[in-house]
């Protein structure tokens, strides 16, 4: 079965969009989600924290490849 990720994000350092603009975007996203569900697809939604909250993994000292 093919799997896809459809993602939407808010750029860091940019304020929230105008409520009317955001409402229009969310209506369109919801229509796509409904179409997918009606076609039998599994649809999941969730959110992420801001980029600055992400941990960084490093090899120390650098491991041989």
Protein backbone atom coordinates (compact mmCIF):
# COMPACT_ATOMS: atom_id res chain seq x y z
CA UNK A 1 0.00 0.00 0.00
CA UNK A 2 1.38 3.42 -0.91
CA UNK A 3 1.79 5.91 1.91
CA UNK A 4 1.96 9.68 1.59
CA UNK A 5 2.64 12.57 3.93
CA UNK A 6 0.79 15.79 3.24
CA UNK A 7 2.22 18.48 5.45
CA UNK A 8 1.40 22.07 6.31
CA UNK A 9 3.64 24.26 8.43
CA UNK A 10 3.89 27.76 9.86
CA UNK A 11 7.30 29.33 9.13
CA UNK A 12 9.31 30.16 12.26
CA UNK A 13 9.39 33.81 13.25
CA UNK A 14 6.26 34.67 11.29
CA UNK A 15 3.09 35.68 13.09
CA UNK A 16 -0.20 33.90 12.69
CA UNK A 17 -1.94 34.46 9.36
CA UNK A 18 -5.02 36.64 9.12
CA UNK A 19 -8.00 34.73 10.62
CA UNK A 20 -10.02 34.96 7.39
CA UNK A 21 -7.10 33.62 5.34
CA UNK A 22 -6.49 30.80 7.84
CA UNK A 23 -10.19 29.88 7.89
CA UNK A 24 -10.15 29.54 4.08
CA UNK A 25 -7.01 27.37 4.18
CA UNK A 26 -8.48 25.13 6.88
CA UNK A 27 -11.75 24.72 4.92
CA UNK A 28 -9.73 23.51 1.93
CA UNK A 29 -7.61 21.17 4.06
CA UNK A 30 -10.75 19.74 5.67
CA UNK A 31 -12.33 19.15 2.23
CA UNK A 32 -9.24 17.20 1.13
CA UNK A 33 -9.30 15.19 4.37
CA UNK A 34 -13.01 14.38 3.93
CA UNK A 35 -12.46 13.27 0.32
CA UNK A 36 -9.64 10.96 1.42
CA UNK A 37 -11.68 9.43 4.25
CA UNK A 38 -14.70 8.93 1.97
CA UNK A 39 -12.40 7.13 -0.49
CA UNK A 40 -11.38 4.71 2.27
CA UNK A 41 -8.01 6.22 3.17
CA UNK A 42 -6.72 6.42 6.70
CA UNK A 43 -6.07 10.02 7.62
CA UNK A 44 -4.16 11.13 10.70
CA UNK A 45 -3.48 14.61 11.98
CA UNK A 46 -1.19 16.05 14.59
CA UNK A 47 1.06 19.00 15.24
CA UNK A 48 4.71 19.65 15.91
CA UNK A 49 6.44 21.94 18.35
CA UNK A 50 8.45 24.93 17.13
CA UNK A 51 11.78 24.08 15.43
CA UNK A 52 13.83 25.52 18.28
CA UNK A 53 12.47 22.82 20.62
CA UNK A 54 13.96 19.99 18.53
CA UNK A 55 16.91 18.11 20.05
CA UNK A 56 20.03 17.64 17.98
CA UNK A 57 21.70 14.23 17.78
CA UNK A 58 25.46 14.11 17.26
CA UNK A 59 28.12 11.43 17.25
CA UNK A 60 30.91 12.46 19.60
CA UNK A 61 33.68 11.80 18.74
CA UNK A 62 32.90 11.09 15.13
CA UNK A 63 32.36 7.37 14.65
CA UNK A 64 33.96 5.60 11.67
CA UNK A 65 31.62 4.90 8.79
